[in-house]
Protein backbone atom coordinates (compact mmCIF):
# COMPACT_ATOMS: atom_id res chain seq x y z
CA UNK A 1 -51.98 18.95 -15.92
CA UNK A 2 -50.13 15.38 -16.30
CA UNK A 3 -46.78 15.10 -14.18
CA UNK A 4 -43.94 16.24 -15.71
CA UNK A 5 -40.52 13.54 -16.20
CA UNK A 6 -38.00 14.36 -17.60
CA UNK A 7 -34.70 13.10 -18.33
CA UNK A 8 -31.18 14.44 -19.94
CA UNK A 9 -28.55 12.87 -21.77
CA UNK A 10 -26.46 15.94 -22.95
CA UNK A 11 -26.40 19.85 -23.36
CA UNK A 12 -29.61 19.96 -25.22
CA UNK A 13 -31.72 18.15 -23.25
CA UNK A 14 -30.01 19.91 -20.21
CA UNK A 15 -31.33 22.95 -21.77
CA UNK A 16 -34.41 21.74 -21.64
CA UNK A 17 -34.37 21.12 -17.77
CA UNK A 18 -32.97 24.30 -17.20
CA UNK A 19 -35.65 25.64 -18.50
CA UNK A 20 -38.16 24.15 -16.72
CA UNK A 21 -36.75 24.22 -13.05
CA UNK A 22 -36.45 28.39 -13.93
CA UNK A 23 -37.13 30.26 -10.61
CA UNK A 24 -37.89 27.25 -8.46
CA UNK A 25 -37.44 27.84 -4.85
CA UNK A 26 -36.26 25.67 -2.23
CA UNK A 27 -34.23 25.75 1.14
CA UNK A 28 -30.09 25.65 1.32
CA UNK A 29 -31.60 21.70 3.75
CA UNK A 30 -32.97 20.64 0.46
CA UNK A 31 -29.69 19.94 -1.24
CA UNK A 32 -28.51 16.23 -0.46
CA UNK A 33 -25.23 14.99 -2.42
CA UNK A 34 -24.28 11.27 -1.41
CA UNK A 35 -20.57 10.83 -2.16
CA UNK A 36 -20.66 7.20 -2.52
CA UNK A 37 -23.46 6.93 -5.24
CA UNK A 38 -21.93 10.41 -6.56
CA UNK A 39 -25.65 11.16 -6.84
CA UNK A 40 -26.63 14.81 -6.03
CA UNK A 41 -30.57 15.37 -5.19
CA UNK A 42 -32.34 18.69 -5.01
CA UNK A 43 -35.72 18.96 -4.30
CA UNK A 44 -37.06 22.41 -4.75
CA UNK A 45 -41.03 23.92 -5.60
CA UNK A 46 -40.60 24.82 -9.23
CA UNK A 47 -42.76 27.27 -10.68
CA UNK A 48 -44.65 25.44 -13.48
CA UNK A 49 -43.30 26.74 -16.36
CA UNK A 50 -45.22 24.30 -18.99
CA UNK A 51 -48.67 25.16 -17.30
CA UNK A 52 -52.24 25.01 -19.18
CA UNK A 53 -53.05 28.77 -20.03
CA UNK A 54 -56.69 29.66 -18.68
CA UNK A 55 -58.40 31.94 -21.14
CA UNK A 56 -56.08 35.17 -21.30
CA UNK A 57 -53.96 34.61 -18.84
CA UNK A 58 -51.68 30.96 -17.80
CA UNK A 59 -52.27 29.47 -14.45
CA UNK A 60 -49.64 30.41 -11.78
CA UNK A 61 -48.82 27.31 -10.98
CA UNK A 62 -45.64 24.88 -8.29
CA UNK A 63 -45.02 22.11 -7.78
CA UNK A 64 -42.71 20.28 -5.38
CA UNK A 65 -40.02 18.12 -7.23
CA UNK A 66 -37.33 16.67 -7.09
CA UNK A 67 -33.69 17.48 -9.68
CA UNK A 68 -31.14 14.36 -9.36
CA UNK A 69 -27.66 14.02 -10.75
CA UNK A 70 -25.89 11.25 -11.50
CA UNK A 71 -22.04 10.76 -11.29
CA UNK A 72 -21.64 14.03 -10.02
CA UNK A 73 -18.23 14.41 -8.36
CA UNK A 74 -16.79 17.02 -6.17
CA UNK A 75 -19.56 19.40 -5.45
CA UNK A 76 -18.41 22.85 -4.02
CA UNK A 77 -21.14 26.59 -2.64
CA UNK A 78 -19.86 29.81 -3.96
CA UNK A 79 -21.83 32.20 -1.93
CA UNK A 80 -24.29 29.71 -0.53
CA UNK A 81 -24.22 29.36 3.61
CA UNK A 82 -24.34 25.46 3.84
CA UNK A 83 -24.72 26.29 8.06
CA UNK A 84 -28.12 28.18 7.14
CA UNK A 85 -30.28 25.01 6.35
CA UNK A 86 -33.50 27.26 6.31
CA UNK A 87 -32.37 29.88 3.72
CA UNK A 88 -34.44 29.83 0.44
CA UNK A 89 -32.83 29.75 -3.01
CA UNK A 90 -33.85 30.47 -6.17
CA UNK A 91 -32.88 28.46 -8.59
CA UNK A 92 -32.31 30.00 -12.53
CA UNK A 93 -30.51 28.44 -14.53
CA UNK A 94 -28.42 24.86 -14.81
CA UNK A 95 -25.29 25.23 -17.30
CA UNK A 96 -23.26 22.96 -18.43
CA UNK A 97 -19.09 23.38 -19.11
CA UNK A 98 -17.67 21.11 -21.16
CA UNK A 99 -14.41 19.22 -20.16
CA UNK A 100 -13.10 16.80 -22.20
CA UNK A 101 -15.72 14.81 -24.14
CA UNK A 102 -18.24 13.50 -22.60
CA UNK A 103 -17.48 15.31 -19.09
CA UNK A 104 -17.74 18.24 -17.54
CA UNK A 105 -19.21 20.78 -14.87
CA UNK A 106 -22.52 21.07 -14.26
CA UNK A 107 -23.89 25.06 -12.40
CA UNK A 108 -26.22 25.81 -10.48
CA UNK A 109 -26.79 29.25 -10.40
CA UNK A 110 -29.08 31.11 -8.25
CA UNK A 111 -30.16 34.47 -7.74
CA UNK A 112 -28.54 36.54 -5.68
CA UNK A 113 -24.88 35.30 -6.94
CA UNK A 114 -24.88 31.40 -5.47
CA UNK A 115 -23.72 28.92 -7.44
CA UNK A 116 -23.32 25.29 -6.61
CA UNK A 117 -20.86 23.50 -9.18
CA UNK A 118 -20.33 19.84 -9.65
CA UNK A 119 -18.70 17.38 -11.99
CA UNK A 120 -20.03 15.14 -14.41
CA UNK A 121 -18.18 12.12 -15.82
CA UNK A 122 -20.99 12.74 -18.48
CA UNK A 123 -24.61 14.86 -18.24
CA UNK A 124 -27.23 12.16 -16.63
CA UNK A 125 -29.80 14.55 -15.07
CA UNK A 126 -33.38 13.64 -14.17
CA UNK A 127 -36.56 16.27 -13.32
CA UNK A 128 -40.24 14.20 -11.71
CA UNK A 129 -42.78 16.30 -10.43
CA UNK A 130 -43.80 14.53 -7.24
CA UNK A 131 -47.05 15.85 -6.23
CA UNK A 132 -50.10 17.49 -7.48
CA UNK A 133 -49.54 21.46 -8.34
CA UNK A 134 -51.02 24.51 -6.32
CA UNK A 135 -52.06 27.75 -7.68
CA UNK A 136 -49.67 30.65 -6.70
CA UNK A 137 -50.88 34.05 -6.65
CA UNK A 138 -46.81 35.56 -7.93
CA UNK A 139 -45.51 34.63 -11.46
CA UNK A 140 -41.54 35.10 -11.89
CA UNK A 141 -40.74 38.31 -14.06
CA UNK A 142 -37.19 39.12 -14.81
CA UNK A 143 -37.03 42.77 -16.04
CA UNK A 144 -34.58 43.06 -19.27
CA UNK A 145 -31.04 45.63 -18.59
């Protein structure tokens, strides 16, 4: 499978990236904000939902990936212990809340009620795989309520 490289410049593009990073796991310490550049970067192990099928089962793989946001300002964490750098987070979704077009807020929603929100002038995100995939025995599932 080829390495994934995506860019998002609007809400529809961001929804595609959100689908690709659903169930990614990362440590709190893998989140970096660079205020002088207004750049937010997350390095994660994403579940490769885009994996190729083998027989009747889809391959269960993870890939080391980077998700970055340009023009990010005022990051705010809710229910995320920022002092626990080794705490593991599971990313569920990347959402955009429109403000004064094209500006708005991006919410990174994590399992367990954690959220990382930040303001953006406009949507400018990139997702890139950083290396080869590795097999995992666990395929994330989300029971319907």
